Amino acid sequence: MEAGSAHKVLTVRDPEPEGVRAVTLIEVDGRHAEGVIRRLSGLPEIRALHTTNGRWDIVAEIEAPTLGAFDALLRTIRQIDG
């Protein structure tokens, strides 16, 4: 994602956690939406993608086995152009 792009992460804790689950809200430059969705869809940690209106363009449900893997996924998402 380009400088100035934004996203927000909300985490959910289970009583008996098995990895990290979260919902992240992603802002996309309109002309890049299809490419961003295609790239996100190829990430195995992405469980679901939803498009929306308003400040955020994509809602991504994600799941990673560890906090380190979750952090790596967020870095990958931030590097997507658009």
Protein backbone atom coordinates (compact mmCIF):
# COMPACT_ATOMS: atom_id res chain seq x y z
CA MET A 1 0.00 0.00 0.00
CA GLU A 2 1.28 3.46 -0.74
CA ALA A 3 2.40 5.98 1.86
CA GLY A 4 -0.64 7.74 3.23
CA SER A 5 -2.78 4.61 2.95
CA ALA A 6 -4.47 3.58 6.13
CA HIS A 7 -5.79 0.51 7.83
CA LYS A 8 -7.18 -0.33 11.24
CA VAL A 9 -6.90 -3.62 13.11
CA LEU A 10 -9.34 -4.98 15.68
CA THR A 11 -8.32 -8.15 17.48
CA VAL A 12 -10.58 -10.74 19.04
CA ARG A 13 -9.47 -12.94 21.94
CA ASP A 14 -10.92 -16.40 22.46
CA PRO A 15 -11.13 -17.88 25.96
CA GLU A 16 -8.79 -20.63 24.70
CA PRO A 17 -6.75 -18.93 21.99
CA GLU A 18 -5.44 -20.96 19.08
CA GLY A 19 -3.53 -18.34 17.16
CA VAL A 20 -4.51 -14.77 16.42
CA ARG A 21 -7.78 -13.78 14.76
CA ALA A 22 -8.53 -10.22 13.73
CA VAL A 23 -10.58 -7.98 11.52
CA THR A 24 -8.63 -5.34 9.65
CA LEU A 25 -10.13 -2.38 7.82
CA ILE A 26 -8.25 -1.32 4.69
CA GLU A 27 -8.39 1.94 2.74
CA VAL A 28 -7.67 1.54 -0.98
CA ASP A 29 -7.10 4.00 -3.79
CA GLY A 30 -10.23 3.39 -5.92
CA ARG A 31 -8.45 2.57 -9.15
CA HIS A 32 -6.40 -0.13 -7.42
CA ALA A 33 -9.24 -1.93 -5.63
CA GLU A 34 -9.38 -4.98 -7.93
CA GLY A 35 -5.62 -5.55 -7.75
CA VAL A 36 -5.55 -5.16 -3.96
CA ILE A 37 -8.44 -7.61 -3.55
CA ARG A 38 -6.70 -10.08 -5.88
CA ARG A 39 -3.45 -9.85 -3.86
CA LEU A 40 -5.25 -10.15 -0.53
CA SER A 41 -7.23 -13.16 -1.78
CA GLY A 42 -3.94 -14.95 -2.44
CA LEU A 43 -2.79 -14.72 1.19
CA PRO A 44 -3.59 -17.94 3.08
CA GLU A 45 -4.21 -16.08 6.36
CA ILE A 46 -7.11 -14.13 4.81
CA ARG A 47 -10.30 -15.97 5.80
CA ALA A 48 -12.81 -13.55 4.20
CA LEU A 49 -12.88 -10.25 2.34
CA HIS A 50 -15.80 -7.82 2.21
CA THR A 51 -16.05 -4.54 0.31
CA THR A 52 -17.75 -1.56 1.87
CA ASN A 53 -18.35 2.18 1.49
CA GLY A 54 -17.00 5.06 3.54
CA ARG A 55 -13.56 5.62 5.01
CA TRP A 56 -12.59 1.95 4.71
CA ASP A 57 -12.94 0.04 1.44
CA ILE A 58 -12.19 -3.54 2.45
CA VAL A 59 -12.90 -5.51 5.61
CA ALA A 60 -10.54 -8.49 5.93
CA GLU A 61 -11.02 -11.33 8.39
CA ILE A 62 -7.61 -12.78 9.13
CA GLU A 63 -6.18 -15.64 11.17
CA ALA A 64 -2.53 -16.38 11.93
CA PRO A 65 -1.00 -19.15 14.04
CA THR A 66 1.19 -16.82 16.13
CA LEU A 67 1.58 -13.15 16.95
CA GLY A 68 4.78 -13.12 14.89
CA ALA A 69 2.94 -14.52 11.86
CA PHE A 70 0.19 -11.94 12.40
CA ASP A 71 2.78 -9.14 12.43
CA ALA A 72 4.37 -10.51 9.24
CA LEU A 73 0.96 -10.60 7.57
CA LEU A 74 0.29 -6.96 8.48
CA ARG A 75 3.67 -5.99 6.96
CA THR A 76 2.73 -7.87 3.79
CA ILE A 77 -0.64 -6.12 3.60
CA ARG A 78 1.00 -2.70 4.07
CA GLN A 79 3.34 -3.40 1.13
CA ILE A 80 0.52 -4.03 -1.36
CA ASP A 81 0.35 -1.19 -3.90
CA GLY A 82 -2.94 0.65 -3.87
